[in-house]
N, C-alpha and C. Protein backbone atom coordinates (compact mmCIF):
# COMPACT_ATOMS: atom_id res chain seq x y z
N MET A 1 0.87 -1.19 0.01
CA MET A 1 -0.02 -0.01 -0.01
C MET A 1 0.86 1.14 0.03
N ASP A 2 0.48 2.17 -0.75
CA ASP A 2 1.26 3.60 -0.76
C ASP A 2 0.82 4.37 0.10
N ASN A 3 1.74 4.89 0.91
CA ASN A 3 1.35 5.93 2.06
C ASN A 3 1.59 7.36 1.68
N ASP A 4 1.33 7.66 0.34
CA ASP A 4 1.48 9.20 0.02
C ASP A 4 0.28 9.90 0.56
N VAL A 5 0.70 10.85 1.38
CA VAL A 5 -0.47 11.79 2.02
C VAL A 5 -1.20 12.50 1.03
N ARG A 6 -0.60 12.80 -0.13
CA ARG A 6 -1.22 13.70 -1.07
C ARG A 6 -2.11 12.98 -1.84
N ASP A 7 -2.06 11.53 -1.82
CA ASP A 7 -2.96 10.79 -2.73
C ASP A 7 -3.34 9.57 -1.83
N PRO A 8 -4.36 9.78 -0.91
CA PRO A 8 -4.85 8.75 0.04
C PRO A 8 -5.47 7.47 -0.71
N VAL A 9 -5.38 6.31 -0.13
CA VAL A 9 -5.95 5.13 -0.72
C VAL A 9 -6.92 4.60 0.35
N ALA A 10 -7.97 4.15 0.10
CA ALA A 10 -8.78 3.30 1.07
C ALA A 10 -8.97 1.83 0.51
N VAL A 11 -8.55 0.98 1.29
CA VAL A 11 -8.56 -0.44 0.87
C VAL A 11 -9.77 -1.26 1.43
N THR A 12 -10.52 -1.51 0.43
CA THR A 12 -11.68 -2.41 0.74
C THR A 12 -11.78 -3.85 0.21
N GLY A 13 -12.48 -4.47 0.78
CA GLY A 13 -12.70 -6.04 0.26
C GLY A 13 -13.44 -6.17 -0.95
N PHE A 14 -13.36 -7.34 -1.41
CA PHE A 14 -14.15 -7.68 -2.69
C PHE A 14 -15.55 -8.14 -2.22
N HIS A 15 -16.60 -7.94 -2.98
CA HIS A 15 -17.81 -8.47 -2.62
C HIS A 15 -18.25 -9.50 -3.76
N ALA A 16 -18.78 -10.56 -3.28
CA ALA A 16 -19.24 -11.75 -4.02
C ALA A 16 -20.77 -11.52 -4.04
N GLY A 17 -21.11 -12.13 -5.07
CA GLY A 17 -22.74 -12.20 -5.22
C GLY A 17 -23.20 -13.59 -5.71
N ARG A 18 -24.49 -13.73 -5.93
CA ARG A 18 -25.03 -14.98 -6.27
C ARG A 18 -24.37 -15.60 -7.77
N THR A 19 -24.15 -14.57 -8.54
CA THR A 19 -23.73 -14.88 -9.89
C THR A 19 -22.25 -14.54 -9.99
N HIS A 20 -21.62 -13.90 -9.14
CA HIS A 20 -20.24 -13.62 -9.15
C HIS A 20 -19.51 -14.14 -8.11
N LYS A 21 -18.72 -15.17 -8.19
CA LYS A 21 -17.77 -15.94 -7.27
C LYS A 21 -16.58 -15.15 -7.15
N PHE A 22 -15.95 -15.47 -5.93
CA PHE A 22 -14.51 -15.16 -5.86
C PHE A 22 -13.38 -15.89 -6.55
N SER A 23 -12.60 -15.33 -7.04
CA SER A 23 -11.32 -16.07 -7.57
C SER A 23 -10.41 -16.18 -6.45
N PRO A 24 -9.57 -17.06 -6.52
CA PRO A 24 -8.83 -17.54 -5.46
C PRO A 24 -7.85 -16.07 -5.05
N GLY A 25 -7.41 -15.48 -5.97
CA GLY A 25 -6.75 -14.25 -5.55
C GLY A 25 -7.44 -13.21 -4.64
N GLN A 26 -8.93 -13.15 -5.11
CA GLN A 26 -9.75 -12.20 -4.36
C GLN A 26 -10.01 -12.85 -2.82
N LYS A 27 -10.24 -14.11 -2.74
CA LYS A 27 -10.27 -14.88 -1.46
C LYS A 27 -9.18 -14.45 -0.65
N THR A 28 -7.86 -14.62 -1.13
CA THR A 28 -6.53 -14.29 -0.34
C THR A 28 -6.60 -12.82 -0.09
N ALA A 29 -6.92 -11.96 -0.86
CA ALA A 29 -6.85 -10.59 -0.62
C ALA A 29 -7.90 -10.19 0.60
N ASP A 30 -9.26 -10.72 0.50
CA ASP A 30 -10.12 -10.59 1.64
C ASP A 30 -9.54 -11.09 2.74
N ARG A 31 -8.98 -12.34 2.94
CA ARG A 31 -8.56 -12.78 4.01
C ARG A 31 -7.35 -12.06 4.90
N VAL A 32 -6.49 -11.51 3.96
CA VAL A 32 -5.36 -10.65 4.40
C VAL A 32 -5.99 -9.37 4.91
N LEU A 33 -6.88 -8.67 4.23
CA LEU A 33 -7.63 -7.41 4.91
C LEU A 33 -8.16 -7.74 6.17
N ALA A 34 -8.92 -8.98 6.17
CA ALA A 34 -9.51 -9.30 7.44
C ALA A 34 -8.61 -9.43 8.61
N VAL A 35 -7.59 -10.01 8.47
CA VAL A 35 -6.55 -10.28 9.65
C VAL A 35 -6.09 -8.93 10.17
N GLY A 36 -5.92 -7.92 9.36
CA GLY A 36 -5.42 -6.54 9.65
C GLY A 36 -6.65 -5.75 10.42
N ARG A 37 -7.69 -6.25 9.91
CA ARG A 37 -8.85 -5.17 10.39
C ARG A 37 -9.51 -5.87 11.59
N ALA A 38 -9.58 -7.21 11.88
CA ALA A 38 -10.12 -7.73 12.99
C ALA A 38 -9.86 -7.10 14.48
N PRO A 39 -8.55 -7.17 14.79
CA PRO A 39 -8.13 -6.77 16.00
C PRO A 39 -8.82 -5.27 16.27
N VAL A 40 -8.74 -4.46 15.33
CA VAL A 40 -9.17 -3.00 15.56
C VAL A 40 -10.70 -3.03 15.78
N GLU A 41 -11.53 -3.80 15.00
CA GLU A 41 -12.97 -3.88 15.21
C GLU A 41 -13.27 -4.64 16.52
N HIS A 42 -12.46 -5.60 16.87
CA HIS A 42 -12.92 -6.06 18.14
C HIS A 42 -12.58 -5.15 19.32
N GLY A 43 -11.53 -4.29 19.24
CA GLY A 43 -11.43 -3.41 20.22
C GLY A 43 -12.44 -2.35 20.35
N PHE A 44 -12.87 -1.88 19.07
CA PHE A 44 -14.20 -1.00 19.23
C PHE A 44 -15.21 -1.43 19.63
N ALA A 45 -15.46 -2.80 19.28
CA ALA A 45 -16.70 -3.62 19.97
C ALA A 45 -16.55 -3.71 21.30
N ARG A 46 -15.42 -3.96 21.94
CA ARG A 46 -15.38 -4.06 23.38
C ARG A 46 -15.48 -2.56 24.04
N LEU A 47 -15.18 -1.63 23.49
CA LEU A 47 -15.33 -0.16 23.89
C LEU A 47 -16.94 0.13 23.77
N ASN A 48 -17.56 -0.21 22.70
CA ASN A 48 -19.01 0.07 22.43
C ASN A 48 -19.71 -0.78 23.51
N SER A 49 -19.31 -2.06 23.80
CA SER A 49 -20.16 -2.84 24.84
C SER A 49 -20.04 -2.14 26.28
N ARG A 50 -19.04 -1.38 26.34
CA ARG A 50 -18.89 -0.73 27.83
C ARG A 50 -19.49 0.61 27.66
N ARG A 51 -20.00 1.01 26.51
CA ARG A 51 -20.61 2.38 26.40
C ARG A 51 -19.44 3.53 26.72
N ALA A 52 -18.20 3.09 26.29
CA ALA A 52 -17.08 4.06 26.60
C ALA A 52 -17.13 5.16 25.47
N LEU A 53 -17.31 4.79 24.44
CA LEU A 53 -17.51 5.78 23.18
C LEU A 53 -18.54 6.78 23.41
N ALA A 54 -19.53 6.43 24.16
CA ALA A 54 -20.65 7.32 24.55
C ALA A 54 -20.10 8.54 25.63
N LYS A 55 -19.35 7.85 26.40
CA LYS A 55 -18.84 8.68 27.62
C LYS A 55 -17.71 9.72 26.98
N LEU A 56 -17.14 9.22 25.90
CA LEU A 56 -16.05 10.00 25.25
C LEU A 56 -16.73 11.31 24.63
N ARG A 57 -17.77 11.09 24.09
CA ARG A 57 -18.50 12.04 23.39
C ARG A 57 -18.94 13.22 24.35
N THR A 58 -19.28 12.80 25.80
CA THR A 58 -19.97 13.56 26.62
C THR A 58 -18.74 14.38 27.31
N ASP A 59 -17.62 13.82 27.45
CA ASP A 59 -16.20 14.25 28.18
C ASP A 59 -15.12 14.10 27.37
N PRO A 60 -14.68 15.08 26.79
CA PRO A 60 -13.38 14.93 26.04
C PRO A 60 -12.24 14.81 26.85
N ALA A 61 -12.28 14.92 28.18
CA ALA A 61 -11.14 14.97 29.04
C ALA A 61 -10.78 13.28 29.12
N ARG A 62 -11.73 12.34 28.86
CA ARG A 62 -11.65 10.94 29.07
C ARG A 62 -10.89 10.34 27.75
N ALA A 63 -10.83 11.25 26.62
CA ALA A 63 -10.15 10.74 25.47
C ALA A 63 -8.84 10.03 25.49
N THR A 64 -7.95 10.55 26.23
CA THR A 64 -6.69 9.81 26.32
C THR A 64 -6.76 8.57 27.17
N ARG A 65 -7.41 8.22 28.17
CA ARG A 65 -7.53 7.17 28.84
C ARG A 65 -8.33 6.02 27.94
N LEU A 66 -9.21 6.56 27.18
CA LEU A 66 -9.95 5.40 26.33
C LEU A 66 -9.07 5.02 25.08
N LEU A 67 -8.38 6.04 24.66
CA LEU A 67 -7.58 5.77 23.54
C LEU A 67 -6.34 4.89 24.03
N ARG A 68 -5.97 4.94 25.17
CA ARG A 68 -4.95 4.02 25.59
C ARG A 68 -5.47 2.61 25.87
N ALA A 69 -6.73 2.65 26.31
CA ALA A 69 -7.38 1.27 26.51
C ALA A 69 -7.52 0.47 25.01
N LEU A 70 -7.94 1.35 23.97
CA LEU A 70 -7.97 0.80 22.59
C LEU A 70 -6.63 0.24 22.24
N LEU A 71 -5.55 0.97 22.50
CA LEU A 71 -4.24 0.55 22.17
C LEU A 71 -3.84 -0.77 22.87
N VAL A 72 -4.24 -0.84 24.17
CA VAL A 72 -3.95 -2.05 24.81
C VAL A 72 -4.75 -3.25 24.14
N LEU A 73 -5.93 -3.12 23.72
CA LEU A 73 -6.78 -4.16 23.27
C LEU A 73 -6.23 -4.48 21.76
N THR A 74 -5.48 -3.64 21.06
CA THR A 74 -5.40 -3.84 19.75
C THR A 74 -3.75 -4.27 19.61
N LYS A 75 -2.87 -3.98 20.49
CA LYS A 75 -1.50 -4.15 20.44
C LYS A 75 -1.33 -5.59 20.49
N PRO A 76 -0.45 -6.19 19.64
CA PRO A 76 -0.15 -7.65 19.80
C PRO A 76 0.50 -7.80 21.27
N ARG A 77 0.39 -8.95 21.84
CA ARG A 77 0.75 -9.17 23.23
C ARG A 77 2.35 -9.54 23.08
N SER A 78 2.79 -9.80 22.23
CA SER A 78 4.36 -9.93 21.98
C SER A 78 5.05 -8.72 22.20
N GLN A 79 4.51 -7.70 21.88
CA GLN A 79 5.26 -6.30 22.07
C GLN A 79 4.79 -5.87 23.51
N PRO A 80 6.08 -5.17 24.00
CA PRO A 80 5.70 -4.67 25.42
C PRO A 80 4.99 -3.29 25.20
N LEU A 81 4.30 -3.06 26.30
CA LEU A 81 3.25 -1.73 26.12
C LEU A 81 4.08 -0.62 26.67
N THR A 82 4.10 0.28 25.86
CA THR A 82 4.65 1.75 26.17
C THR A 82 3.68 2.58 26.94
N VAL A 83 4.20 2.94 28.06
CA VAL A 83 3.28 3.84 28.88
C VAL A 83 3.57 5.22 28.65
N LEU A 84 2.65 6.03 28.33
CA LEU A 84 2.87 7.41 27.89
C LEU A 84 2.49 8.34 29.13
N ASP A 85 3.31 9.22 29.41
CA ASP A 85 3.06 10.10 30.65
C ASP A 85 1.99 11.32 30.12
N GLY A 86 1.04 11.69 30.99
CA GLY A 86 0.37 12.79 30.65
C GLY A 86 -0.96 12.68 30.98
């Protein structure tokens, strides 16, 4: 993926239909995209289930704490967690 800020790119998955089936390459591309997307979506689901995002909308001072919680939920466990002061 190109990281050029002047020409942003949105990566989306392929869509199959009743008459249009996936090719093996499309299946692989969708699988790769899902692997990267799943941890982030799971983290947001956990925050939503605790109504954390609603609290964030009512009190911006909570944003740092909630974003740190999302970082903990999405960061691979093999990497050490970096604690930010502030």
